[in-house]
Amino acid sequence: MSLDQPLPDVKPLSHSADGFLDGRLTIEQPKKGFRAGLDSVLLGASVMQSKGRILDLGAGAGVAGLVALANNPGLEAVFVDNDPALVDLCRRNIERNGFGGRAVAEFADAAAGKGIEAAAFDVVIANPPFYDPASHTVSPGAPAAHAQKDTLIGDWVKTAARALKPGGNAIFVHHAKSLDLVRGALAVHFGKVKVQPLAPYAGARPIRVLLRGGQGSGEIILPPVSVHSSRGGPFSPEIEAALRGRTPFHWNTPQSVPR
């Protein structure tokens, strides 16, 4: 594998070095803009593929894919992003954490899918950009912009489905308020969709969802996983174990729901 693919002009980013998986990973991230945290770690920790190839769509600094590599020594990975500065940063993170022989970072657009191998991956993971109504002020032109962003989800899912080998699966993390949108997009390309809601604490409304599209039929809605043991309390044991890299993130017991 090579890290020598040329990039468009790269503008330097101001970044910080952050530890993940109890210090097993040290990853540089931009100080401003999107910064990977719980969502990205749980996305990567949801990969339980002992060997094969994974694709991290819209990888950014590479946190999710690097977590998957750290947890599964038999995996190789391709990281793609449409921001040259982030691709450059991801490449440095790959080398810094000792995965140069198992991973590459490439410039590609997750929505357009151009330059991404078809039928080449066992697992595709993605943390697409999303609009969080709780943290944004709506401007007069916002509804059209949000609708445009919504259509991107379908494009990302289409790219993921095209990149997968037969029998492979795609894992997405997204805002819970967009659940219907994302699971609808997955249902177009995958026979089976599994949904794992993430709630801040027991009894609270989920704020994030992990979704897995794969071979089979029907939809499975899992009971929510509590991120914290109580409101304002520490992480729940299963989340703590995944964040520290002690175990993969095991999703809850299924509850079948007919489609």
Protein backbone atom coordinates (compact mmCIF):
# COMPACT_ATOMS: atom_id res chain seq x y z
CA MET A 1 0.00 0.00 0.00
CA SER A 2 1.23 3.50 -0.79
CA LEU A 3 0.70 6.87 0.80
CA ASP A 4 2.21 8.71 -2.15
CA GLN A 5 -0.93 9.68 -4.07
CA PRO A 6 -0.55 13.40 -4.90
CA LEU A 7 -3.03 15.85 -3.42
CA PRO A 8 -4.37 19.21 -4.59
CA ASP A 9 -2.88 22.22 -2.84
CA VAL A 10 -3.05 21.71 0.91
CA LYS A 11 -3.51 24.62 3.30
CA PRO A 12 -1.97 24.06 6.75
CA LEU A 13 -4.40 23.39 9.60
CA SER A 14 -4.04 24.40 13.22
CA HIS A 15 -4.46 21.16 15.13
CA SER A 16 -4.03 19.39 18.45
CA ALA A 17 -2.94 15.85 19.35
CA ASP A 18 -5.58 13.83 21.21
CA GLY A 19 -5.45 10.39 22.79
CA PHE A 20 -7.97 7.64 22.07
CA LEU A 21 -8.44 4.06 23.29
CA ASP A 22 -6.69 4.77 26.58
CA GLY A 23 -3.68 6.22 24.78
CA ARG A 24 -3.22 3.43 22.24
CA LEU A 25 -3.91 5.99 19.52
CA THR A 26 -2.62 9.56 19.31
CA ILE A 27 -4.46 11.47 16.61
CA GLU A 28 -3.99 15.02 15.37
CA GLN A 29 -7.23 16.89 14.74
CA PRO A 30 -8.09 20.40 13.60
CA LYS A 31 -8.65 22.75 16.51
CA LYS A 32 -11.64 24.28 14.72
CA GLY A 33 -14.50 22.62 12.88
CA PHE A 34 -15.45 18.97 13.30
CA ARG A 35 -13.55 17.17 16.04
CA ALA A 36 -14.01 13.43 16.39
CA GLY A 37 -15.14 12.05 19.73
CA LEU A 38 -17.68 9.56 21.02
CA ASP A 39 -19.52 9.13 17.68
CA SER A 40 -16.36 8.31 15.75
CA VAL A 41 -14.97 5.95 18.37
CA LEU A 42 -18.22 3.97 18.66
CA LEU A 43 -18.47 3.83 14.87
CA GLY A 44 -14.98 2.34 14.60
CA ALA A 45 -15.56 0.08 17.60
CA SER A 46 -18.68 -1.32 15.88
CA VAL A 47 -16.45 -2.98 13.27
CA MET A 48 -15.89 -6.60 14.25
CA GLN A 49 -14.25 -7.84 11.06
CA SER A 50 -11.23 -9.92 12.02
CA LYS A 51 -9.68 -9.60 8.55
CA GLY A 52 -10.37 -8.03 5.18
CA ARG A 53 -10.65 -4.41 4.00
CA ILE A 54 -12.65 -1.49 5.33
CA LEU A 55 -13.45 1.86 3.78
CA ASP A 56 -13.80 4.97 5.95
CA LEU A 57 -15.95 7.42 3.96
CA GLY A 58 -15.42 11.10 4.79
CA ALA A 59 -12.68 9.99 7.15
CA GLY A 60 -11.48 13.41 8.30
CA ALA A 61 -8.51 12.89 10.61
CA GLY A 62 -9.18 9.14 10.54
CA VAL A 63 -10.38 8.43 14.08
CA ALA A 64 -13.11 5.88 13.25
CA GLY A 65 -11.01 3.87 10.83
CA LEU A 66 -7.96 3.92 13.10
CA VAL A 67 -10.07 2.62 15.99
CA ALA A 68 -11.24 -0.23 13.76
CA LEU A 69 -7.63 -1.03 12.79
CA ALA A 70 -6.46 -0.93 16.40
CA ASN A 71 -9.22 -3.31 17.48
CA ASN A 72 -8.83 -5.72 14.55
CA PRO A 73 -5.18 -6.50 13.71
CA GLY A 74 -6.10 -8.44 10.54
CA LEU A 75 -7.80 -5.50 8.84
CA GLU A 76 -6.55 -3.15 6.15
CA ALA A 77 -8.21 0.19 5.47
CA VAL A 78 -8.71 2.92 2.89
CA PHE A 79 -9.59 6.39 4.22
CA VAL A 80 -11.16 8.90 1.83
CA ASP A 81 -12.07 12.56 2.21
CA ASN A 82 -12.74 15.47 -0.15
CA ASP A 83 -10.65 17.92 1.89
CA PRO A 84 -6.96 17.75 0.86
CA ALA A 85 -5.80 19.13 4.21
CA LEU A 86 -7.66 16.39 6.07
CA VAL A 87 -6.33 13.69 3.75
CA ASP A 88 -2.82 14.95 4.48
CA LEU A 89 -3.57 14.95 8.22
CA CYS A 90 -5.05 11.45 8.04
CA ARG A 91 -1.93 10.18 6.29
CA ARG A 92 0.21 11.54 9.09
CA ASN A 93 -2.06 9.90 11.67
CA ILE A 94 -1.79 6.57 9.88
CA GLU A 95 2.01 6.74 10.00
CA ARG A 96 2.15 8.16 13.52
CA ASN A 97 0.17 5.22 14.88
CA GLY A 98 2.11 2.54 13.01
CA PHE A 99 -0.49 1.57 10.40
CA GLY A 100 1.49 2.53 7.31
CA GLY A 101 1.59 -1.06 6.11
CA ARG A 102 -2.15 -1.55 6.52
CA ALA A 103 -3.79 1.68 5.43
CA VAL A 104 -3.86 4.47 2.85
CA ALA A 105 -5.61 7.85 2.77
CA GLU A 106 -6.91 9.11 -0.57
CA PHE A 107 -8.63 12.19 -1.97
CA ALA A 108 -12.20 11.33 -3.07
CA ASP A 109 -15.74 12.64 -2.73
CA ALA A 110 -17.94 10.29 -0.68
CA ALA A 111 -21.12 11.64 -2.26
CA ALA A 112 -19.95 11.41 -5.87
CA GLY A 113 -18.18 8.11 -5.34
CA LYS A 114 -15.60 8.82 -8.04
CA GLY A 115 -12.20 7.26 -7.47
CA ILE A 116 -13.52 4.74 -4.93
CA GLU A 117 -13.09 1.07 -5.78
CA ALA A 118 -16.25 -0.89 -6.49
CA ALA A 119 -16.98 -4.25 -4.80
CA ALA A 120 -13.65 -4.03 -2.94
CA PHE A 121 -14.49 -3.76 0.78
CA ASP A 122 -15.88 -5.99 3.50
CA VAL A 123 -17.10 -3.08 5.64
CA VAL A 124 -17.78 0.58 4.93
CA ILE A 125 -18.06 3.04 7.81
CA ALA A 126 -19.26 6.63 7.63
CA ASN A 127 -19.97 9.59 9.90
CA PRO A 128 -21.61 11.99 7.41
CA PRO A 129 -22.02 15.67 8.23
CA PHE A 130 -25.42 16.44 9.69
CA TYR A 131 -27.47 19.38 10.87
CA ASP A 132 -28.21 19.37 14.61
CA PRO A 133 -31.29 21.55 15.29
CA ALA A 134 -30.35 21.85 18.96
CA SER A 135 -27.08 23.64 18.24
CA HIS A 136 -27.84 25.84 15.24
CA THR A 137 -29.84 28.96 14.55
CA VAL A 138 -32.10 28.61 11.51
CA SER A 139 -31.62 31.34 8.90
CA PRO A 140 -34.19 32.28 6.22
CA GLY A 141 -32.36 30.24 3.56
CA ALA A 142 -31.72 27.25 5.82
CA PRO A 143 -34.57 24.88 4.80
CA ALA A 144 -33.29 24.58 1.23
CA ALA A 145 -29.74 24.08 2.46
CA HIS A 146 -30.89 21.38 4.87
CA ALA A 147 -32.83 19.63 2.14
CA GLN A 148 -29.71 19.61 -0.01
CA LYS A 149 -27.74 18.07 2.85
CA ASP A 150 -30.44 15.45 3.30
CA THR A 151 -30.05 14.31 -0.31
CA LEU A 152 -26.35 13.74 0.36
CA ILE A 153 -27.18 10.89 2.73
CA GLY A 154 -28.65 8.90 -0.14
CA ASP A 155 -25.51 9.60 -2.18
CA TRP A 156 -23.23 8.45 0.65
CA VAL A 157 -25.25 5.25 1.11
CA LYS A 158 -25.16 4.58 -2.63
CA THR A 159 -21.38 4.98 -2.63
CA ALA A 160 -21.08 2.64 0.36
CA ALA A 161 -23.25 -0.03 -1.28
CA ARG A 162 -21.26 0.18 -4.52
CA ALA A 163 -17.93 -0.13 -2.67
CA LEU A 164 -18.93 -3.27 -0.75
CA LYS A 165 -18.20 -6.83 -1.71
CA PRO A 166 -21.22 -9.17 -1.87
CA GLY A 167 -22.23 -9.92 1.72
CA GLY A 168 -20.47 -6.85 3.11
CA ASN A 169 -22.06 -4.34 5.44
CA ALA A 170 -22.13 -0.57 5.88
CA ILE A 171 -22.23 1.17 9.27
CA PHE A 172 -23.36 4.79 9.62
CA VAL A 173 -23.65 7.07 12.64
CA HIS A 174 -26.04 10.01 12.53
CA HIS A 175 -28.30 12.30 14.52
CA ALA A 176 -31.35 10.49 15.93
CA LYS A 177 -33.69 13.10 14.43
CA SER A 178 -32.55 11.94 11.00
CA LEU A 179 -33.24 8.27 11.70
CA ASP A 180 -36.05 7.89 9.16
CA LEU A 181 -33.99 9.59 6.49
CA VAL A 182 -30.90 7.42 6.96
CA ARG A 183 -32.68 4.12 7.43
CA GLY A 184 -34.80 4.86 4.37
CA ALA A 185 -31.65 5.44 2.31
CA LEU A 186 -30.11 2.22 3.62
CA ALA A 187 -33.29 0.26 2.85
CA VAL A 188 -32.97 1.22 -0.83
CA HIS A 189 -29.62 -0.54 -1.15
CA PHE A 190 -29.63 -3.17 1.61
CA GLY A 191 -32.11 -5.93 2.41
CA LYS A 192 -31.53 -5.76 6.15
CA VAL A 193 -31.16 -2.67 8.32
CA LYS A 194 -30.22 -2.78 12.00
CA VAL A 195 -30.63 0.33 14.17
CA GLN A 196 -28.83 0.94 17.47
CA PRO A 197 -30.06 4.11 19.26
CA LEU A 198 -27.74 5.86 21.72
CA ALA A 199 -29.39 7.66 24.65
CA PRO A 200 -27.56 10.06 27.02
CA TYR A 201 -28.79 7.96 29.99
CA ALA A 202 -31.53 5.42 30.75
CA GLY A 203 -34.99 6.79 29.99
CA ALA A 204 -33.72 9.73 27.93
CA ARG A 205 -34.58 10.21 24.28
CA PRO A 206 -31.80 8.94 21.95
CA ILE A 207 -29.64 11.65 20.42
CA ARG A 208 -27.55 9.49 18.06
CA VAL A 209 -28.14 6.31 16.07
CA LEU A 210 -25.81 3.73 14.62
CA LEU A 211 -27.21 1.92 11.59
CA ARG A 212 -25.93 -1.19 9.84
CA GLY A 213 -27.04 -2.17 6.35
CA GLY A 214 -26.33 -5.66 5.10
CA GLN A 215 -27.52 -8.83 3.48
CA GLY A 216 -30.86 -10.30 4.55
CA SER A 217 -34.33 -8.83 4.92
CA GLY A 218 -36.31 -6.71 7.35
CA GLU A 219 -35.46 -4.11 9.94
CA ILE A 220 -34.21 -4.64 13.49
CA ILE A 221 -34.65 -1.91 16.08
CA LEU A 222 -32.44 -2.49 19.10
CA PRO A 223 -33.09 -1.23 22.62
CA PRO A 224 -31.18 2.01 23.27
CA VAL A 225 -27.70 1.89 24.76
CA SER A 226 -27.18 4.39 27.58
CA VAL A 227 -24.03 6.44 27.10
CA HIS A 228 -23.93 7.42 30.79
CA SER A 229 -24.86 5.39 33.84
CA SER A 230 -27.09 8.22 35.03
CA ARG A 231 -27.82 11.84 34.18
CA GLY A 232 -24.54 13.68 34.68
CA GLY A 233 -22.87 10.44 35.76
CA PRO A 234 -19.90 8.48 34.38
CA PHE A 235 -19.95 6.51 31.17
CA SER A 236 -21.89 3.26 31.30
CA PRO A 237 -19.68 0.13 31.52
CA GLU A 238 -20.17 -0.91 27.88
CA ILE A 239 -19.40 2.58 26.58
CA GLU A 240 -16.40 2.95 28.89
CA ALA A 241 -15.02 -0.39 27.68
CA ALA A 242 -15.39 0.61 24.02
CA LEU A 243 -13.87 4.07 24.53
CA ARG A 244 -10.86 2.57 26.28
CA GLY A 245 -10.44 -0.12 23.63
CA ARG A 246 -11.02 -2.97 26.06
CA THR A 247 -13.79 -4.50 23.94
CA PRO A 248 -15.55 -3.74 20.64
CA PHE A 249 -18.89 -1.98 20.89
CA HIS A 250 -21.41 -4.81 21.07
CA TRP A 251 -24.86 -3.66 20.02
CA ASN A 252 -27.89 -4.64 22.09
CA THR A 253 -30.15 -7.69 21.74
CA PRO A 254 -32.44 -7.48 18.68
CA GLN A 255 -36.13 -6.70 18.65
CA SER A 256 -37.57 -7.50 15.20
CA VAL A 257 -39.87 -4.99 13.56
CA PRO A 258 -41.54 -5.83 10.22
CA ARG A 259 -40.80 -3.41 7.39
